[in-house]
Amino acid sequence: MKKALLVALTLTLSLFSLAQQDIKALQASAKNYMQQGDYANATLVLNKALQQSPDNIDLQNDLLFNYYLSQDYAKAMELGKKLTSRPDADIRSYQLLGLTYRNIEEIKECEKLYKSGIKAYPKSGVLYNEYGEFLWSRKKMEDAIDQWEKGIAADPNYSGNYYNAAKYYYISTDKTWALIYGEIFVNLESYSRRTPEIKQILLDGYKKYFTNLNSLKAPDSKNGFEQAFCSILNKHAATVNEGVTTSSLTMLRTRFLLDWFEKEPGKYAFRLFDYQRQLTREGLFDAYNQWLFGATQSLPDFQQWTQQNQKAYDGFIEFQKGRVFKLPPGQNYRGWPSN
């Protein structure tokens, strides 16, 4: 009797495993169809998979995404509403329904959805970011940056909020945060299609800082971090008197680090500056600044530098790819008082 039960159990588990493998194969096939733009076949395959696992939220999200890509927004809304009303609704369901609402300009429903999604997932940097992008598209710039800042505070290692916040602060009169958020972004997302764009903002941001010192907004008098950051940059402004270049920025930023860690030891713990100091100690800070600014400033000069300093640059790239840049919680100083 026990042997028969064991055989039955083994057979059941084997059949379940085969079914799961079959579902994964169907899901992979559907994604391949989507990549090819064959949304009809993707729908067919996903529905076949859902016959075997009707409550599988991953499959249903894939089907929702397929409807969105095929611009079948009526079906996307119908399925999205069903998924986001589930007790186990996940972040991706909110994302996809939000994108659907944005494409058909269902403004009230979209805003309501993002608010409910953030209420369900208050630590989701993704939802803060996409809610901010929605608000930005409605010309609500101040509301948008508020969401991106909340996303940075809630989920400090999600790169999207830094990307949008850096762009916002660059076009504003702010002196500080385009530089800081931009550099954090390129360390979180070092080799994406968005990286060159933010490297350009970083280089232009330093030029803007030093050529418009009197027209930019003064650092917040209640924010000790901003005060310290700008004070040290201003102290070494003469470093870039002959131009904001990769070499002058390397010198400026090296002197900044020496002063920052001499005068602010531990008062404002900040992972980005800790990382820069680590690179300095490893002898890689010059190469890091070349990676950050060199190609953006002058591609021929950058290529010449890397040829002449091949070992140093390769060492930095190897070091960079061998680590994960990760920010701890509690280091978001934007808007924080200096108490």
Protein backbone atom coordinates (compact mmCIF):
# COMPACT_ATOMS: atom_id res chain seq x y z
CA MET A 1 0.00 0.00 0.00
CA LYS A 2 2.76 2.43 1.00
CA LYS A 3 4.68 1.54 -2.14
CA ALA A 4 1.61 2.24 -4.31
CA LEU A 5 1.14 5.64 -2.64
CA LEU A 6 4.81 6.46 -3.17
CA VAL A 7 4.56 5.54 -6.84
CA ALA A 8 1.41 7.68 -7.22
CA LEU A 9 3.04 10.61 -5.48
CA THR A 10 6.15 10.33 -7.64
CA LEU A 11 4.02 10.18 -10.78
CA THR A 12 2.01 13.24 -9.68
CA LEU A 13 5.17 15.22 -8.98
CA SER A 14 6.64 14.20 -12.32
CA LEU A 15 3.50 15.26 -14.17
CA PHE A 16 3.48 18.59 -12.28
CA SER A 17 7.13 19.16 -13.17
CA LEU A 18 6.45 18.41 -16.83
CA ALA A 19 3.45 20.75 -16.80
CA GLN A 20 5.60 23.54 -15.32
CA GLN A 21 8.26 22.95 -17.96
CA ASP A 22 5.56 23.06 -20.65
CA ILE A 23 4.22 26.37 -19.28
CA LYS A 24 7.71 27.88 -19.23
CA ALA A 25 8.30 26.72 -22.80
CA LEU A 26 5.01 28.27 -23.91
CA GLN A 27 5.84 31.49 -22.06
CA ALA A 28 9.24 31.67 -23.74
CA SER A 29 7.62 31.04 -27.13
CA ALA A 30 5.10 33.82 -26.52
CA LYS A 31 7.83 36.28 -25.60
CA ASN A 32 9.67 35.37 -28.78
CA TYR A 33 6.52 36.11 -30.81
CA MET A 34 6.17 39.46 -29.02
CA GLN A 35 9.75 40.38 -29.87
CA GLN A 36 8.96 39.62 -33.52
CA GLY A 37 5.80 41.76 -33.38
CA ASP A 38 3.60 38.69 -33.94
CA TYR A 39 1.08 39.55 -31.23
CA ALA A 40 -1.68 37.27 -32.52
CA ASN A 41 0.46 34.16 -32.08
CA ALA A 42 1.67 35.43 -28.70
CA THR A 43 -1.97 35.71 -27.58
CA LEU A 44 -2.71 32.19 -28.81
CA VAL A 45 0.25 30.67 -26.99
CA LEU A 46 -0.33 32.57 -23.75
CA ASN A 47 -3.99 31.56 -23.67
CA LYS A 48 -2.94 27.95 -24.14
CA ALA A 49 -0.57 28.28 -21.18
CA LEU A 50 -3.31 29.90 -19.09
CA GLN A 51 -5.57 26.91 -19.73
CA GLN A 52 -3.04 24.87 -17.76
CA SER A 53 -2.43 27.51 -15.09
CA PRO A 54 -5.37 29.96 -15.08
CA ASP A 55 -4.31 31.88 -11.95
CA ASN A 56 -0.69 32.35 -13.01
CA ILE A 57 -0.15 36.10 -12.60
CA ASP A 58 3.12 36.09 -14.59
CA LEU A 59 1.32 34.64 -17.60
CA GLN A 60 -1.54 37.10 -17.21
CA ASN A 61 0.91 40.00 -17.00
CA ASP A 62 2.58 38.75 -20.19
CA LEU A 63 -0.83 38.68 -21.86
CA LEU A 64 -1.54 42.20 -20.58
CA PHE A 65 1.80 43.37 -21.97
CA ASN A 66 1.00 41.71 -25.29
CA TYR A 67 -2.32 43.53 -25.48
CA TYR A 68 -0.52 46.79 -24.70
CA LEU A 69 2.12 46.23 -27.38
CA SER A 70 -0.53 45.33 -29.97
CA GLN A 71 -2.44 48.50 -29.02
CA ASP A 72 -5.50 46.48 -28.06
CA TYR A 73 -6.12 48.88 -25.21
CA ALA A 74 -9.69 47.73 -24.51
CA LYS A 75 -8.52 44.22 -23.67
CA ALA A 76 -5.48 45.59 -21.86
CA MET A 77 -7.72 47.71 -19.62
CA GLU A 78 -10.10 44.86 -18.98
CA LEU A 79 -7.34 42.47 -17.96
CA GLY A 80 -5.35 45.15 -16.11
CA LYS A 81 -8.31 46.14 -13.95
CA LYS A 82 -8.89 42.49 -13.13
CA LEU A 83 -5.25 41.95 -12.15
CA THR A 84 -4.87 45.12 -10.06
CA SER A 85 -8.04 44.26 -8.13
CA ARG A 86 -6.56 40.93 -7.02
CA PRO A 87 -5.32 40.68 -3.43
CA ASP A 88 -1.97 39.49 -4.80
CA ALA A 89 -1.73 42.21 -7.48
CA ASP A 90 1.92 42.81 -8.25
CA ILE A 91 3.91 45.88 -9.27
CA ARG A 92 4.09 44.84 -12.92
CA SER A 93 0.29 44.78 -13.20
CA TYR A 94 0.12 48.37 -11.95
CA GLN A 95 2.90 49.35 -14.34
CA LEU A 96 1.25 47.88 -17.41
CA LEU A 97 -2.21 49.21 -16.66
CA GLY A 98 -0.64 52.61 -15.97
CA LEU A 99 1.09 52.58 -19.36
CA THR A 100 -2.21 51.65 -20.99
CA TYR A 101 -4.04 54.52 -19.31
CA ARG A 102 -1.28 56.94 -20.29
CA ASN A 103 -1.47 55.92 -23.95
CA ILE A 104 -5.20 56.49 -24.17
CA GLU A 105 -5.05 59.55 -21.86
CA GLU A 106 -7.34 58.19 -19.17
CA ILE A 107 -6.00 60.87 -16.84
CA LYS A 108 -8.17 60.43 -13.75
CA GLU A 109 -8.00 56.64 -13.83
CA CYS A 110 -4.25 56.74 -14.34
CA GLU A 111 -3.60 59.00 -11.37
CA LYS A 112 -5.94 56.95 -9.20
CA LEU A 113 -4.14 53.76 -10.25
CA TYR A 114 -0.65 55.06 -9.39
CA LYS A 115 -1.82 56.28 -6.00
CA SER A 116 -3.35 52.90 -5.19
CA GLY A 117 -0.25 51.10 -6.48
CA ILE A 118 2.06 53.19 -4.31
CA LYS A 119 -0.24 52.61 -1.34
CA ALA A 120 0.06 48.87 -1.93
CA TYR A 121 3.82 49.05 -2.62
CA PRO A 122 5.21 52.10 -0.76
CA LYS A 123 8.81 50.96 -1.35
CA SER A 124 8.46 50.61 -5.12
CA GLY A 125 10.85 52.98 -6.87
CA VAL A 126 9.35 51.86 -10.18
CA LEU A 127 5.86 53.12 -9.37
CA TYR A 128 7.10 56.45 -7.99
CA ASN A 129 9.16 56.90 -11.15
CA GLU A 130 6.33 56.15 -13.54
CA TYR A 131 3.87 58.27 -11.56
CA GLY A 132 6.39 61.11 -11.80
CA GLU A 133 6.72 60.62 -15.56
CA PHE A 134 2.94 60.73 -15.87
CA LEU A 135 2.79 63.99 -13.90
CA TRP A 136 5.63 65.43 -16.00
CA SER A 137 3.66 64.64 -19.16
CA ARG A 138 0.78 66.65 -17.64
CA LYS A 139 3.16 69.63 -17.16
CA LYS A 140 3.05 69.20 -13.38
CA MET A 141 6.81 69.57 -12.94
CA GLU A 142 6.89 70.22 -9.19
CA ASP A 143 4.57 67.28 -8.50
CA ALA A 144 6.75 65.08 -10.74
CA ILE A 145 10.01 65.85 -8.93
CA ASP A 146 8.23 65.25 -5.64
CA GLN A 147 7.43 61.69 -6.75
CA TRP A 148 10.98 61.07 -8.01
CA GLU A 149 12.40 62.30 -4.71
CA LYS A 150 10.03 60.02 -2.82
CA GLY A 151 11.13 57.15 -5.06
CA ILE A 152 14.80 57.85 -4.29
CA ALA A 153 14.07 57.85 -0.57
CA ALA A 154 11.95 54.69 -0.72
CA ASP A 155 14.10 52.65 -3.10
CA PRO A 156 17.61 54.16 -3.28
CA ASN A 157 18.97 51.59 -5.73
CA TYR A 158 16.36 52.00 -8.45
CA SER A 159 18.03 54.10 -11.14
CA GLY A 160 15.03 55.58 -12.94
CA ASN A 161 14.22 58.20 -10.31
CA TYR A 162 17.82 59.49 -10.37
CA TYR A 163 17.68 59.71 -14.16
CA ASN A 164 14.58 61.87 -14.19
CA ALA A 165 15.57 63.92 -11.13
CA ALA A 166 19.00 64.73 -12.64
CA LYS A 167 17.34 65.97 -15.83
CA TYR A 168 14.84 68.04 -13.84
CA TYR A 169 17.49 69.69 -11.68
CA TYR A 170 19.75 70.36 -14.65
CA ILE A 171 17.13 72.59 -16.31
CA SER A 172 16.33 74.26 -12.98
CA THR A 173 18.42 76.86 -11.11
CA ASP A 174 19.57 74.24 -8.60
CA LYS A 175 23.34 73.98 -8.09
CA THR A 176 23.71 70.62 -6.44
CA TRP A 177 21.42 67.78 -7.31
CA ALA A 178 21.89 67.37 -11.04
CA LEU A 179 25.57 66.71 -10.31
CA ILE A 180 24.92 64.28 -7.46
CA TYR A 181 21.93 62.42 -8.88
CA GLY A 182 23.52 62.26 -12.34
CA GLU A 183 26.69 60.63 -11.02
CA ILE A 184 24.73 58.19 -8.89
CA PHE A 185 22.68 57.24 -11.95
CA VAL A 186 25.70 56.45 -14.15
CA ASN A 187 27.09 54.23 -11.42
CA LEU A 188 23.80 52.37 -11.02
CA GLU A 189 23.26 52.14 -14.78
CA SER A 190 26.75 52.28 -16.25
CA TYR A 191 26.27 50.97 -19.77
CA SER A 192 22.70 51.64 -20.87
CA ARG A 193 21.47 53.79 -23.75
CA ARG A 194 20.66 56.49 -21.16
CA THR A 195 24.17 56.65 -19.73
CA PRO A 196 25.74 58.93 -22.40
CA GLU A 197 22.85 61.38 -22.01
CA ILE A 198 23.47 61.77 -18.27
CA LYS A 199 27.25 61.95 -18.75
CA GLN A 200 26.59 64.94 -21.01
CA ILE A 201 24.37 66.49 -18.33
CA LEU A 202 27.14 65.96 -15.77
CA LEU A 203 29.78 67.71 -17.87
CA ASP A 204 27.40 70.52 -18.80
CA GLY A 205 26.22 70.67 -15.20
CA TYR A 206 29.73 71.47 -13.95
CA LYS A 207 30.08 74.11 -16.68
CA LYS A 208 26.74 75.59 -15.68
CA TYR A 209 27.76 75.59 -12.01
CA PHE A 210 30.97 77.52 -12.51
CA THR A 211 29.81 79.88 -15.26
CA ASN A 212 26.55 80.85 -13.55
CA LEU A 213 27.55 80.98 -9.89
CA ASN A 214 25.67 84.20 -9.22
CA SER A 215 22.50 83.38 -11.14
CA LEU A 216 21.88 79.91 -9.73
CA LYS A 217 19.88 79.36 -6.59
CA ALA A 218 21.93 79.42 -3.39
CA PRO A 219 22.11 76.14 -1.47
CA ASP A 220 19.37 75.63 1.09
CA SER A 221 20.46 77.37 4.29
CA LYS A 222 18.78 74.63 6.32
CA ASN A 223 20.48 71.80 4.47
CA GLY A 224 23.96 71.17 5.82
CA PHE A 225 24.81 68.66 3.09
CA GLU A 226 24.12 71.15 0.30
CA GLN A 227 26.00 73.87 2.17
CA ALA A 228 29.06 71.66 2.63
CA PHE A 229 29.03 70.40 -0.97
CA CYS A 230 28.81 73.86 -2.55
CA SER A 231 31.24 75.43 -0.09
CA ILE A 232 34.01 73.00 -1.04
CA LEU A 233 33.34 73.30 -4.78
CA ASN A 234 33.42 77.08 -4.51
CA LYS A 235 36.66 76.96 -2.54
CA HIS A 236 38.38 75.22 -5.46
CA ALA A 237 36.69 77.16 -8.28
CA ALA A 238 40.09 78.45 -9.46
CA THR A 239 40.90 74.89 -10.55
CA VAL A 240 38.62 75.32 -13.57
CA ASN A 241 39.51 78.94 -14.38
CA GLU A 242 40.99 77.85 -17.71
CA GLY A 243 37.98 75.72 -18.57
CA VAL A 244 35.86 72.85 -17.33
CA THR A 245 37.63 69.85 -18.86
CA THR A 246 38.20 66.26 -17.86
CA SER A 247 41.63 67.06 -16.43
CA SER A 248 40.47 70.16 -14.52
CA LEU A 249 37.45 68.29 -13.15
CA THR A 250 39.70 65.44 -12.01
CA MET A 251 41.83 67.93 -10.10
CA LEU A 252 38.76 69.72 -8.69
CA ARG A 253 37.11 66.52 -7.57
CA THR A 254 40.32 65.17 -6.01
CA ARG A 255 40.66 68.33 -3.92
CA PHE A 256 36.97 68.11 -3.07
CA LEU A 257 37.44 64.62 -1.64
CA LEU A 258 40.42 65.69 0.47
CA ASP A 259 38.39 68.50 2.02
CA TRP A 260 35.18 66.53 2.34
CA PHE A 261 36.75 63.75 4.35
CA GLU A 262 38.88 66.13 6.37
CA LYS A 263 36.05 68.43 7.39
CA GLU A 264 32.98 66.19 7.31
CA PRO A 265 34.14 62.83 8.72
CA GLY A 266 30.97 60.80 9.11
CA LYS A 267 28.62 63.76 9.55
CA TYR A 268 27.12 63.15 6.13
CA ALA A 269 27.87 59.54 5.29
CA PHE A 270 27.50 59.26 1.53
CA ARG A 271 28.17 56.19 -0.58
CA LEU A 272 29.05 58.12 -3.76
CA PHE A 273 31.88 60.01 -2.06
CA ASP A 274 33.04 56.87 -0.28
CA TYR A 275 33.27 55.18 -3.67
CA GLN A 276 35.24 58.07 -5.14
CA ARG A 277 37.67 57.89 -2.22
CA GLN A 278 38.01 54.14 -2.73
CA LEU A 279 38.91 54.73 -6.38
CA THR A 280 41.48 57.32 -5.32
CA ARG A 281 43.11 54.86 -2.94
CA GLU A 282 43.16 52.20 -5.65
CA GLY A 283 44.83 54.62 -8.07
CA LEU A 284 41.81 54.52 -10.36
CA PHE A 285 40.26 57.94 -9.89
CA ASP A 286 41.87 59.48 -12.99
CA ALA A 287 40.56 56.63 -15.13
CA TYR A 288 37.12 56.94 -13.52
CA ASN A 289 36.94 60.63 -14.41
CA GLN A 290 38.03 59.84 -17.95
CA TRP A 291 35.23 57.28 -18.16
CA LEU A 292 32.79 59.83 -16.73
CA PHE A 293 33.72 62.92 -18.74
CA GLY A 294 36.41 62.09 -21.31
CA ALA A 295 34.49 60.83 -24.33
CA THR A 296 31.78 63.42 -23.76
CA GLN A 297 34.25 66.31 -23.73
CA SER A 298 36.42 65.12 -26.65
CA LEU A 299 36.37 61.64 -28.13
CA PRO A 300 39.80 61.98 -29.83
CA ASP A 301 41.39 63.21 -26.57
CA PHE A 302 39.72 60.38 -24.65
CA GLN A 303 40.96 57.79 -27.14
CA GLN A 304 44.47 59.21 -26.92
CA TRP A 305 44.37 59.11 -23.11
CA THR A 306 43.21 55.50 -23.02
CA GLN A 307 45.90 54.48 -25.50
CA GLN A 308 48.57 56.13 -23.39
CA ASN A 309 47.11 54.80 -20.13
CA GLN A 310 45.73 51.46 -21.31
CA LYS A 311 46.70 49.54 -18.18
CA ALA A 312 45.12 52.08 -15.84
CA TYR A 313 41.90 52.31 -17.85
CA ASP A 314 41.56 48.54 -18.23
CA GLY A 315 42.16 48.23 -14.49
CA PHE A 316 39.31 50.63 -13.76
CA ILE A 317 36.91 48.87 -16.16
CA GLU A 318 37.75 45.50 -14.60
CA PHE A 319 37.28 46.96 -11.11
CA GLN A 320 33.98 48.58 -12.09
CA LYS A 321 32.54 45.44 -13.63
CA GLY A 322 33.60 43.37 -10.64
CA ARG A 323 31.52 45.31 -8.13
CA VAL A 324 27.92 46.40 -7.63
CA PHE A 325 27.38 50.03 -6.73
CA LYS A 326 24.76 49.94 -3.99
CA LEU A 327 23.41 52.75 -1.85
CA PRO A 328 22.39 52.13 1.75
CA PRO A 329 19.13 53.59 3.07
CA GLY A 330 19.15 56.86 4.97
CA GLN A 331 21.60 58.79 2.76
CA ASN A 332 19.09 60.89 0.85
CA TYR A 333 19.95 64.43 1.94
CA ARG A 334 17.73 66.29 -0.49
CA GLY A 335 15.52 68.58 1.60
CA TRP A 336 16.88 67.28 4.90
CA PRO A 337 17.66 69.89 7.56
CA SER A 338 21.17 70.03 8.96
CA ASN A 339 20.32 68.87 12.46
